[in-house]
Protein backbone atom coordinates (compact mmCIF):
# COMPACT_ATOMS: atom_id res chain seq x y z
CA MET A 1 -53.04 17.92 -95.11
CA PRO A 2 -50.88 16.85 -92.05
CA LYS A 3 -52.42 17.08 -88.63
CA THR A 4 -50.47 20.29 -86.98
CA THR A 5 -50.41 18.70 -83.16
CA GLY A 6 -48.30 16.06 -81.67
CA ASP A 7 -44.76 14.76 -82.57
CA THR A 8 -43.48 14.42 -85.98
CA ALA A 9 -45.54 12.02 -88.33
CA MET A 10 -42.17 10.45 -88.66
CA SER A 11 -42.75 6.39 -90.13
CA ALA A 12 -39.97 3.53 -90.18
CA SER A 13 -40.63 3.73 -93.99
CA ALA A 14 -39.51 7.25 -94.56
CA GLY A 15 -35.82 6.42 -95.12
CA SER A 16 -36.85 4.26 -97.90
CA ILE A 17 -38.41 7.31 -99.80
CA SER A 18 -36.01 7.81 -103.50
CA ALA A 19 -34.78 10.89 -104.54
CA SER A 20 -36.30 10.13 -107.64
CA THR A 21 -39.79 10.51 -106.43
CA ILE A 22 -39.11 13.71 -104.42
CA PHE A 23 -37.24 15.33 -107.69
CA ASP A 24 -40.56 16.38 -109.30
CA ARG A 25 -41.80 17.95 -106.31
CA ARG A 26 -38.99 19.31 -105.24
CA ARG A 27 -38.78 23.16 -105.01
CA ALA A 28 -36.42 25.97 -104.08
CA VAL A 29 -36.77 29.35 -102.23
CA ILE A 30 -33.93 31.56 -102.04
CA LEU A 31 -33.92 34.42 -99.87
CA ALA A 32 -32.68 37.58 -101.24
CA GLY A 33 -33.45 40.52 -99.24
CA GLY A 34 -31.70 42.27 -96.18
CA SER A 35 -29.61 45.22 -96.62
CA GLY A 36 -27.04 45.24 -93.83
CA THR A 37 -23.97 47.09 -93.91
CA ARG A 38 -21.39 44.68 -91.96
CA LEU A 39 -19.05 44.99 -95.15
CA TRP A 40 -19.16 49.04 -95.57
CA PRO A 41 -18.39 50.33 -97.61
CA LEU A 42 -18.35 47.57 -100.19
CA SER A 43 -22.14 46.76 -98.89
CA ARG A 44 -24.60 49.50 -99.11
CA SER A 45 -28.35 49.48 -98.41
CA THR A 46 -28.84 49.30 -102.59
CA MET A 47 -26.01 46.58 -102.71
CA PRO A 48 -26.11 44.32 -100.08
CA LYS A 49 -23.38 41.28 -99.62
CA GLN A 50 -25.79 38.81 -101.49
CA LEU A 51 -25.44 40.99 -104.59
CA LEU A 52 -21.40 41.09 -104.17
CA ALA A 53 -18.91 38.95 -105.48
CA LEU A 54 -16.71 38.20 -102.81
CA THR A 55 -15.27 34.89 -103.03
CA SER A 56 -15.50 34.13 -106.86
CA GLU A 57 -16.38 35.92 -110.09
CA ARG A 58 -19.69 35.19 -109.44
CA THR A 59 -22.36 37.02 -106.54
CA LEU A 60 -23.01 35.24 -103.76
CA LEU A 61 -26.62 35.12 -105.01
CA GLN A 62 -25.56 33.81 -108.08
CA GLU A 63 -23.33 31.08 -106.14
CA THR A 64 -26.40 29.90 -104.13
CA ALA A 65 -28.57 29.58 -107.12
CA ALA A 66 -25.62 27.53 -109.21
CA ARG A 67 -25.50 25.54 -106.25
CA LEU A 68 -29.19 24.68 -106.44
CA LEU A 69 -29.60 24.39 -110.20
CA PRO A 70 -27.80 20.65 -110.52
CA ALA A 71 -30.58 19.55 -108.52
CA VAL A 72 -33.68 21.31 -108.94
CA LEU A 73 -35.18 22.59 -112.08
CA ALA A 74 -34.78 26.54 -112.97
CA ARG A 75 -38.64 26.98 -113.13
CA HIS A 76 -39.11 25.43 -109.85
CA ILE A 77 -36.85 28.19 -108.02
CA THR A 78 -38.26 30.87 -106.40
CA THR A 79 -36.23 34.19 -105.35
CA VAL A 80 -37.53 36.62 -102.90
CA THR A 81 -36.15 39.88 -102.66
CA HIS A 82 -37.21 43.64 -101.62
CA MET A 83 -38.09 45.96 -104.64
CA ASP A 84 -35.23 47.71 -104.15
CA HIS A 85 -32.89 44.97 -105.44
CA ARG A 86 -35.58 43.58 -107.88
CA PHE A 87 -33.74 44.50 -111.13
CA GLU A 88 -30.13 43.53 -109.98
CA VAL A 89 -31.65 40.23 -108.46
CA MET A 90 -33.30 39.72 -111.57
CA GLY A 91 -30.29 40.87 -114.01
CA GLN A 92 -27.72 38.29 -112.14
CA LEU A 93 -30.24 35.78 -111.88
CA HIS A 94 -30.24 36.27 -115.75
CA GLU A 95 -26.89 35.74 -116.34
CA LEU A 96 -27.18 32.14 -115.00
CA ASP A 97 -30.23 31.44 -116.33
CA PRO A 98 -33.25 33.70 -117.85
CA VAL A 99 -35.79 31.05 -116.49
CA LEU A 100 -34.60 32.09 -113.00
CA ALA A 101 -35.49 35.80 -113.52
CA ASP A 102 -39.12 35.19 -114.12
CA GLY A 103 -39.31 33.56 -110.56
CA VAL A 104 -38.49 36.49 -108.47
CA LEU A 105 -41.11 37.82 -106.10
CA THR A 106 -40.69 41.53 -104.87
CA GLU A 107 -41.52 42.51 -101.28
CA PRO A 108 -42.78 46.08 -101.25
CA VAL A 109 -41.60 46.84 -97.59
CA ALA A 110 -38.82 45.13 -95.98
CA ARG A 111 -39.68 42.29 -93.86
CA ASN A 112 -38.34 39.39 -91.71
CA THR A 113 -38.03 36.27 -93.36
CA LEU A 114 -41.44 34.37 -92.02
CA PRO A 115 -43.50 36.79 -94.39
CA ALA A 116 -40.92 36.04 -97.60
CA VAL A 117 -41.18 32.53 -96.97
CA ALA A 118 -45.12 32.01 -96.01
CA TRP A 119 -45.80 33.87 -99.36
CA ALA A 120 -43.32 32.20 -101.87
CA VAL A 121 -44.66 28.79 -100.12
CA ALA A 122 -48.24 29.48 -100.26
CA ARG A 123 -47.21 30.60 -104.19
CA ILE A 124 -46.03 26.87 -104.43
CA ALA A 125 -48.95 25.21 -102.89
CA VAL A 126 -51.27 26.54 -105.17
CA ASP A 127 -49.76 24.32 -108.18
CA GLU A 128 -48.10 21.65 -105.79
CA PRO A 129 -49.53 21.49 -102.10
CA ASP A 130 -47.28 18.21 -101.31
CA ALA A 131 -44.57 20.00 -102.71
CA VAL A 132 -40.93 19.47 -100.69
CA VAL A 133 -39.51 23.12 -100.42
CA GLY A 134 -36.27 23.92 -99.01
CA VAL A 135 -35.24 27.46 -98.18
CA PHE A 136 -32.33 28.74 -98.87
CA PRO A 137 -30.20 32.07 -97.92
CA SER A 138 -28.46 34.03 -100.44
CA ASP A 139 -25.41 35.57 -98.73
CA HIS A 140 -23.67 32.61 -97.24
CA ARG A 141 -20.84 30.54 -98.63
CA ILE A 142 -20.78 26.67 -98.67
CA ALA A 143 -17.81 25.10 -99.56
CA ASP A 144 -18.35 21.09 -99.50
CA LEU A 145 -21.14 20.77 -102.24
CA GLU A 146 -21.51 17.19 -102.14
CA ALA A 147 -21.95 17.43 -98.21
CA PHE A 148 -24.52 20.15 -98.79
CA ARG A 149 -26.36 18.18 -101.30
CA HIS A 150 -26.23 15.12 -99.18
CA ALA A 151 -28.07 16.85 -96.46
CA TRP A 152 -30.15 18.46 -98.44
CA SER A 153 -31.36 14.73 -99.48
CA ALA A 154 -31.68 13.66 -95.94
CA ALA A 155 -33.39 16.94 -94.88
CA GLU A 156 -36.14 16.07 -97.97
CA GLN A 157 -36.66 12.35 -96.60
CA ALA A 158 -37.62 13.58 -93.07
CA ALA A 159 -39.72 16.38 -94.41
CA ASP A 160 -41.70 14.39 -96.81
CA ALA A 161 -42.77 12.32 -93.99
CA GLY A 162 -44.01 15.34 -91.95
CA GLY A 163 -40.98 16.88 -90.33
CA LEU A 164 -39.75 20.70 -90.60
CA THR A 165 -35.93 19.95 -90.94
CA LEU A 166 -33.06 22.14 -90.72
CA LEU A 167 -29.23 22.10 -91.63
CA GLY A 168 -27.37 22.62 -88.68
CA VAL A 169 -23.39 22.74 -88.60
CA THR A 170 -20.89 22.05 -85.87
CA PRO A 171 -19.87 25.63 -84.30
CA THR A 172 -16.01 26.49 -84.59
CA GLY A 173 -16.24 28.88 -81.82
CA PRO A 174 -18.33 30.37 -79.30
CA ALA A 175 -19.99 32.73 -81.60
CA THR A 176 -22.84 35.22 -80.38
CA GLY A 177 -24.02 36.36 -83.65
CA PHE A 178 -26.16 33.10 -84.32
CA GLY A 179 -28.94 31.01 -83.23
CA TYR A 180 -28.11 27.38 -81.69
CA ILE A 181 -30.03 24.02 -81.82
CA GLN A 182 -29.56 21.30 -79.33
CA THR A 183 -30.12 17.99 -81.08
CA GLY A 184 -32.09 15.37 -79.56
CA ALA A 185 -32.61 11.84 -80.28
CA PRO A 186 -31.84 10.19 -83.89
CA VAL A 187 -35.35 9.70 -85.65
CA LEU A 188 -33.72 9.00 -89.25
CA PRO A 189 -30.11 8.02 -90.56
CA GLY A 190 -28.40 11.26 -90.36
CA VAL A 191 -31.37 13.36 -88.84
CA ARG A 192 -32.03 14.10 -85.11
CA ALA A 193 -34.86 15.56 -83.50
CA VAL A 194 -34.26 19.37 -81.98
CA ALA A 195 -34.53 19.48 -78.08
CA ARG A 196 -34.78 23.31 -78.46
CA PHE A 197 -33.63 26.21 -80.07
CA VAL A 198 -31.31 29.19 -78.36
CA GLU A 199 -31.26 32.40 -79.89
CA LYS A 200 -28.00 34.05 -79.93
CA PRO A 201 -26.79 33.48 -76.50
CA ASP A 202 -23.73 35.40 -74.66
CA ALA A 203 -20.18 34.50 -74.68
CA GLU A 204 -20.26 32.28 -71.49
CA THR A 205 -23.41 30.46 -72.83
CA ALA A 206 -21.88 29.68 -76.17
CA ALA A 207 -18.72 28.57 -74.80
CA GLY A 208 -20.86 26.40 -72.17
CA PHE A 209 -22.68 24.64 -75.24
CA LEU A 210 -19.21 23.93 -77.11
CA GLN A 211 -17.72 22.52 -73.81
CA GLU A 212 -21.10 20.29 -73.34
CA GLY A 213 -21.48 19.40 -77.17
CA GLY A 214 -25.09 18.35 -78.87
CA TYR A 215 -25.48 22.06 -80.28
CA LEU A 216 -25.15 23.16 -83.38
CA TRP A 217 -25.24 26.24 -85.44
CA ASN A 218 -28.73 27.14 -87.04
CA VAL A 219 -27.36 28.29 -90.34
CA GLY A 220 -30.92 29.24 -91.90
CA VAL A 221 -31.65 26.45 -94.20
CA PHE A 222 -35.09 24.76 -93.78
CA VAL A 223 -36.77 22.09 -95.76
CA PHE A 224 -40.34 20.92 -95.39
CA ARG A 225 -43.48 19.70 -97.44
CA ALA A 226 -45.42 23.10 -98.89
CA ASP A 227 -48.80 21.94 -97.08
CA ARG A 228 -47.49 20.99 -93.60
CA PHE A 229 -45.72 24.20 -93.68
CA LEU A 230 -48.94 26.03 -94.40
CA ASP A 231 -50.87 24.14 -91.94
CA LEU A 232 -48.53 25.00 -89.10
CA LEU A 233 -48.65 28.37 -90.00
CA ALA A 234 -52.39 28.94 -89.87
CA VAL A 235 -52.25 27.36 -86.42
CA TYR A 236 -49.65 30.30 -84.90
CA GLN A 237 -49.83 32.87 -87.58
CA PRO A 238 -53.42 32.66 -88.93
CA GLU A 239 -53.73 36.32 -90.47
CA LEU A 240 -50.52 36.00 -92.14
CA THR A 241 -51.75 32.55 -93.66
CA ALA A 242 -54.88 34.27 -94.80
CA ALA A 243 -52.89 37.06 -96.16
CA VAL A 244 -50.45 35.31 -98.00
CA LEU A 245 -53.07 32.27 -99.36
CA ASP A 246 -55.21 35.09 -100.65
CA TRP A 247 -52.63 36.53 -102.74
CA ALA A 248 -51.20 33.33 -104.21
CA GLN A 249 -54.77 32.10 -105.17
CA ARG A 250 -55.36 35.39 -106.99
CA GLY A 251 -52.06 35.37 -108.44
CA ALA A 252 -51.71 39.09 -107.10
CA ALA A 253 -48.65 41.08 -105.38
CA PRO A 254 -49.31 42.32 -101.79
CA GLU A 255 -49.86 46.19 -101.49
CA PRO A 256 -47.12 47.79 -99.34
CA ARG A 257 -49.89 48.92 -96.28
CA CYS A 258 -51.35 45.20 -96.30
CA TYR A 259 -47.40 43.51 -96.43
CA ALA A 260 -46.34 46.48 -93.81
CA ALA A 261 -48.94 44.88 -91.55
CA LEU A 262 -47.94 41.26 -91.51
CA PRO A 263 -45.76 40.24 -88.61
CA ASP A 264 -42.09 41.18 -88.62
CA LEU A 265 -40.89 37.80 -87.74
CA SER A 266 -38.18 35.07 -88.67
CA VAL A 267 -39.45 31.55 -89.84
CA ASP A 268 -37.30 30.18 -86.83
CA CYS A 269 -39.69 32.67 -84.10
CA GLY A 270 -42.84 32.41 -85.98
CA VAL A 271 -43.15 29.03 -86.86
CA LEU A 272 -40.47 26.59 -85.79
CA GLU A 273 -40.20 27.16 -81.94
CA PRO A 274 -43.76 27.33 -81.35
CA ALA A 275 -43.81 24.04 -83.33
CA ALA A 276 -40.00 22.42 -81.75
CA GLY A 277 -41.92 19.31 -81.27
CA THR A 278 -42.09 18.93 -85.27
CA ALA A 279 -38.77 20.35 -85.83
CA LEU A 280 -35.93 17.77 -87.00
CA VAL A 281 -31.99 18.66 -87.80
CA VAL A 282 -29.39 17.12 -90.12
CA PRO A 283 -25.88 17.68 -88.55
CA VAL A 284 -23.62 18.51 -91.10
CA ASP A 285 -19.98 20.08 -92.19
CA LEU A 286 -20.55 22.35 -95.07
CA GLY A 287 -17.50 24.56 -94.85
CA TRP A 288 -19.80 27.16 -94.09
CA SER A 289 -19.53 30.63 -93.09
CA ASP A 290 -21.89 33.47 -93.36
CA LEU A 291 -19.62 36.43 -94.55
CA GLY A 292 -21.23 38.56 -91.76
CA SER A 293 -18.12 40.76 -91.52
CA TRP A 294 -15.00 41.53 -92.81
CA GLU A 295 -12.84 39.56 -90.29
CA ALA A 296 -15.41 36.53 -91.48
CA LEU A 297 -14.25 37.44 -95.22
CA TYR A 298 -10.49 37.42 -94.26
CA GLN A 299 -10.91 34.09 -92.69
CA GLU A 300 -12.55 32.28 -95.73
CA ARG A 301 -10.13 34.06 -98.52
CA PRO A 302 -6.65 32.41 -99.57
CA LYS A 303 -3.87 34.41 -97.83
CA ASP A 304 -0.15 35.18 -99.08
CA GLU A 305 2.85 34.07 -97.14
CA ALA A 306 2.50 36.91 -94.79
CA GLY A 307 -1.15 36.00 -93.68
CA ASN A 308 -2.78 38.77 -95.72
CA VAL A 309 -5.63 38.69 -97.94
CA ALA A 310 -5.49 40.72 -100.95
CA HIS A 311 -7.94 41.90 -103.67
CA GLY A 312 -7.50 44.15 -106.65
CA ALA A 313 -4.87 46.89 -107.09
CA VAL A 314 -2.93 46.43 -103.61
CA LEU A 315 0.59 46.44 -102.82
CA PRO A 316 1.68 44.91 -99.14
CA VAL A 317 5.11 45.83 -98.36
CA GLU A 318 6.10 44.36 -94.86
CA THR A 319 3.18 43.71 -94.15
CA ARG A 320 1.50 40.86 -92.14
CA ASP A 321 -1.79 39.50 -91.70
CA SER A 322 -4.01 42.16 -93.12
CA LEU A 323 -6.81 42.62 -95.42
CA LEU A 324 -6.32 45.26 -98.16
CA TRP A 325 -9.33 45.60 -100.49
CA SER A 326 -9.21 48.06 -103.27
CA ASN A 327 -12.91 47.74 -105.23
CA ASP A 328 -12.06 50.61 -108.18
CA GLY A 329 -8.67 49.88 -109.10
CA THR A 330 -7.06 52.36 -107.15
CA LEU A 331 -3.76 51.14 -105.39
CA VAL A 332 -3.67 50.25 -102.24
CA ALA A 333 0.04 50.11 -100.67
CA SER A 334 0.63 49.36 -96.82
CA TYR A 335 4.22 49.49 -95.30
CA GLY A 336 5.12 48.17 -91.82
CA VAL A 337 1.79 47.35 -90.66
CA THR A 338 0.01 44.21 -88.84
CA GLY A 339 -3.54 43.39 -88.48
CA LEU A 340 -4.97 46.12 -90.37
CA ALA A 341 -8.00 45.95 -92.64
CA VAL A 342 -7.99 48.68 -95.62
CA VAL A 343 -10.99 48.72 -97.76
CA GLN A 344 -11.31 51.09 -100.61
CA THR A 345 -14.31 51.95 -102.86
CA ARG A 346 -14.25 55.09 -105.23
CA ASP A 347 -16.22 57.49 -102.69
CA ALA A 348 -15.20 56.09 -99.10
CA THR A 349 -12.31 54.34 -97.72
CA LEU A 350 -12.16 52.09 -94.06
CA VAL A 351 -8.99 51.50 -92.02
CA CYS A 352 -9.67 49.42 -88.95
CA PRO A 353 -7.64 47.14 -86.85
CA ARG A 354 -8.79 43.43 -87.57
CA GLN A 355 -9.55 42.62 -84.33
CA ARG A 356 -12.29 45.61 -84.28
CA LEU A 357 -14.05 44.99 -87.20
CA SER A 358 -16.98 43.94 -85.29
CA GLU A 359 -17.52 47.00 -83.88
CA LEU A 360 -18.03 48.72 -87.25
CA LYS A 361 -21.82 48.75 -86.75
CA ALA A 362 -21.31 52.11 -84.45
CA LEU A 363 -19.15 53.70 -87.51
CA VAL A 364 -21.60 53.13 -90.12
CA GLY A 365 -24.07 54.51 -87.77
CA ARG A 366 -21.74 57.71 -87.68
CA VAL A 367 -21.19 57.91 -91.34
CA ARG A 368 -25.05 57.53 -91.86
CA GLU A 369 -25.53 60.66 -89.69
CA THR A 370 -23.23 62.68 -91.52
CA ARG A 371 -23.00 61.19 -95.04
CA ARG A 372 -26.03 59.11 -95.25
CA GLU A 373 -25.28 58.62 -99.23
CA LEU A 374 -22.43 56.89 -98.39
CA THR A 375 -24.29 53.96 -96.82
CA GLU A 376 -27.41 53.64 -99.50
CA ALA A 377 -25.63 53.50 -102.82
CA HIS A 378 -22.40 53.08 -104.97
CA VAL A 379 -21.38 56.17 -107.31
CA THR A 380 -22.34 53.35 -109.74
CA VAL A 381 -26.06 52.44 -109.36
CA ALA A 382 -27.74 49.52 -111.37
CA ARG A 383 -31.22 50.32 -113.24
CA PRO A 384 -32.85 47.70 -115.19
CA TRP A 385 -31.83 49.50 -118.47
CA GLY A 386 -27.97 49.58 -117.38
CA SER A 387 -26.34 51.84 -114.80
CA TYR A 388 -25.39 55.35 -114.24
CA THR A 389 -22.42 56.76 -112.37
CA THR A 390 -22.32 59.79 -110.62
CA LEU A 391 -18.95 61.65 -111.72
CA GLU A 392 -18.64 64.74 -109.63
CA SER A 393 -21.75 66.80 -108.09
CA GLY A 394 -21.73 70.23 -106.17
CA HIS A 395 -24.14 73.41 -105.59
CA ARG A 396 -26.73 72.98 -108.26
CA TYR A 397 -25.01 70.71 -110.63
CA LYS A 398 -24.02 67.04 -111.02
CA LEU A 399 -22.21 65.13 -113.61
CA LYS A 400 -23.00 61.90 -114.60
CA ARG A 401 -22.09 58.61 -117.06
CA ILE A 402 -25.14 57.17 -118.45
CA VAL A 403 -24.93 53.40 -119.97
CA VAL A 404 -27.82 51.79 -121.43
CA ASN A 405 -27.94 48.33 -122.75
CA PRO A 406 -28.62 47.74 -126.33
CA GLY A 407 -32.38 47.62 -126.67
CA CYS A 408 -33.19 49.07 -123.68
CA LYS A 409 -34.96 52.60 -122.89
CA LEU A 410 -35.67 54.65 -119.89
CA SER A 411 -38.83 55.83 -118.65
CA LEU A 412 -41.00 58.16 -120.49
CA GLN A 413 -40.37 61.09 -117.72
CA MET A 414 -40.36 64.85 -116.62
CA HIS A 415 -38.42 66.64 -113.56
CA HIS A 416 -39.58 69.56 -111.92
CA HIS A 417 -36.32 71.01 -110.61
CA ARG A 418 -33.89 70.06 -112.74
CA SER A 419 -32.42 70.43 -116.65
CA GLU A 420 -30.19 68.04 -118.25
CA HIS A 421 -27.55 68.18 -121.12
CA TRP A 422 -26.64 65.07 -122.71
CA VAL A 423 -23.93 64.24 -124.89
CA VAL A 424 -23.24 60.96 -126.27
CA ILE A 425 -19.63 59.31 -126.14
CA ALA A 426 -20.27 56.21 -127.54
CA GLY A 427 -23.36 54.49 -129.27
CA THR A 428 -26.43 55.65 -130.70
CA ALA A 429 -29.04 57.10 -128.80
CA ARG A 430 -32.91 57.51 -129.95
CA VAL A 431 -34.11 60.45 -127.72
CA ILE A 432 -37.81 62.15 -127.15
CA ASN A 433 -37.58 65.55 -126.03
CA GLY A 434 -40.69 67.12 -125.79
CA ASP A 435 -42.50 67.07 -129.36
CA GLU A 436 -39.11 66.12 -130.73
CA GLU A 437 -37.97 62.68 -131.82
CA MET A 438 -33.91 62.55 -132.67
CA PHE A 439 -31.34 60.20 -133.18
CA LEU A 440 -27.68 61.33 -131.74
CA GLU A 441 -24.54 59.99 -132.05
CA GLU A 442 -20.94 60.17 -131.05
CA ASN A 443 -20.12 63.85 -130.19
CA GLN A 444 -23.97 65.10 -130.56
CA SER A 445 -25.89 66.39 -128.00
CA THR A 446 -29.67 67.75 -126.72
CA TYR A 447 -30.61 70.13 -123.89
CA VAL A 448 -33.79 68.81 -121.90
CA PRO A 449 -35.10 71.94 -119.75
CA ALA A 450 -37.21 71.36 -116.35
CA THR A 451 -40.85 70.11 -116.70
CA ARG A 452 -40.12 68.90 -120.23
CA ILE A 453 -41.43 65.20 -120.85
CA HIS A 454 -38.16 62.96 -122.58
CA ARG A 455 -37.14 59.48 -122.88
CA LEU A 456 -33.61 58.01 -123.72
CA GLU A 457 -33.14 54.89 -125.67
CA ASN A 458 -30.72 52.74 -127.07
CA PRO A 459 -31.75 51.25 -130.39
CA GLY A 460 -28.13 49.67 -131.33
CA ARG A 461 -26.15 46.98 -130.78
CA ILE A 462 -23.71 48.31 -128.08
CA PRO A 463 -23.82 50.20 -125.16
CA LEU A 464 -25.21 53.31 -125.20
CA GLN A 465 -22.69 55.86 -123.35
CA ILE A 466 -23.61 59.64 -122.45
CA ILE A 467 -22.25 62.44 -120.17
CA GLU A 468 -25.63 64.15 -118.53
CA ILE A 469 -25.06 67.32 -116.91
CA GLN A 470 -27.65 68.07 -114.25
CA THR A 471 -28.02 71.82 -113.10
CA GLY A 472 -30.85 73.21 -111.02
CA PRO A 473 -31.89 73.61 -107.33
CA TYR A 474 -32.57 69.86 -106.32
CA LEU A 475 -31.09 66.86 -108.03
CA GLU A 476 -31.99 64.12 -105.95
CA GLU A 477 -33.42 60.84 -107.87
CA ASP A 478 -36.75 61.10 -106.36
CA ASP A 479 -37.53 64.45 -108.55
CA ILE A 480 -38.85 61.81 -111.40
CA LEU A 481 -42.16 61.67 -112.60
CA ARG A 482 -42.68 58.63 -114.92
CA PHE A 483 -45.39 58.59 -117.80
CA GLU A 484 -44.81 55.17 -119.16
CA ASP A 485 -42.29 52.30 -117.87
CA ILE A 486 -41.85 48.98 -119.61
CA TYR A 487 -40.46 48.00 -115.98
CA GLY A 488 -43.33 48.27 -113.54
CA ARG A 489 -42.25 51.45 -112.10
CA LEU A 490 -45.16 53.68 -112.48
CA PRO A 491 -46.70 55.15 -109.41
CA PRO A 492 -50.02 53.60 -108.48
CA LEU A 493 -53.16 55.31 -110.20
CA PRO A 494 -55.03 57.33 -107.57
CA ALA A 495 -58.45 55.97 -106.14
CA ALA A 496 -61.52 56.50 -108.49
CA ALA A 497 -63.47 59.62 -107.09
CA GLY A 498 -67.25 59.09 -106.22
């Protein structure tokens, strides 16, 4: 493996490495973790922005994978996500290419980007130590695909010669929410050395960077050889390196307590900044946005002649420069307002002046204190077998609409505190209710008392829909004991005694 000290091992012949030579060794890692709520009430902990369709009919995760697929084989794409998002991520990727869903790695505990990247790269390096790996966030917008692919190719040329290479975009303003890269001398055509990294400067410093020139935004895209990255990781994070290599070589998933003990560091802080002498950057204009706020989304979306962004069932009258977003078909009508943001979901509505959208963190914190469920999940929640929608809830009762996809089934389970009454409204249900097995069709029903083992399955060719009426003293989702589950959600077995 390359040495880990000194300047980047860059040769004059690096630029002659052909893209076709790299293609066979090209690998991509998509980072699909994170649970930000800066796009609340649309974004929730269980449905963060990468899983939302914000700029097209596809979600941001799907847009990211689609950008990569023309240049890298689906089986060479690894996606890392948190266990809470695993099934939604797999389902969305499956819609693009079923092979993509097979490449999902699940973090048992939320960490920063370094453990996720290290684990994925270690897995890749087991089979292809000289793979040229690109790491891509899943929640950004890139408008200029030609520029993106050209910059990616240039970064690969530099990475294959030993550099840790980033993509950097020209700042469009003195933003304080991004890291900055100061560029150094040219190294290869379109590639420059990194003079230094600056983490999220204050407004005055950022304005000075723009005036001085030579600074780029760090957009979180990295390209490197797998062996080169692991060599550097071993120098700066030896314990992390040992852990991920052990999991990769055994083909094992990390235990939650072991993963939680890993350093909560970004790739930048954990490797790139300590090894700054090896870092390179490709300056490029991508038409890039991190879509990190409603204001950022307003700037990216097309507008009507009055400067309004309108999504869904909205009716702006004498309204200017506003963001109106309806996510559930309910009409949002505005009259005589300017510079307003109104975002409506089924269970929450945000009203805020556009110029104060950057302050939403404080509001979401207040919502979390008083109505935590409104920051965690939508009324419709995706599951590996389908989805459920909470229609109404009150003291000791809850009504849901459950949709089970054809050929899918829920786990064999039991609840300690709640009873359930199921009424089929579409499709055919195969039900295990204690010792009894039955088939239910439209308008037929069954009752499942608390502590009885049961299972719901859709053996048909159309989605099964049922209305579930829950009653009991405790109705939360954690009142469930699974005995069989085809989706791997069983609790770990207790350690053997003696």
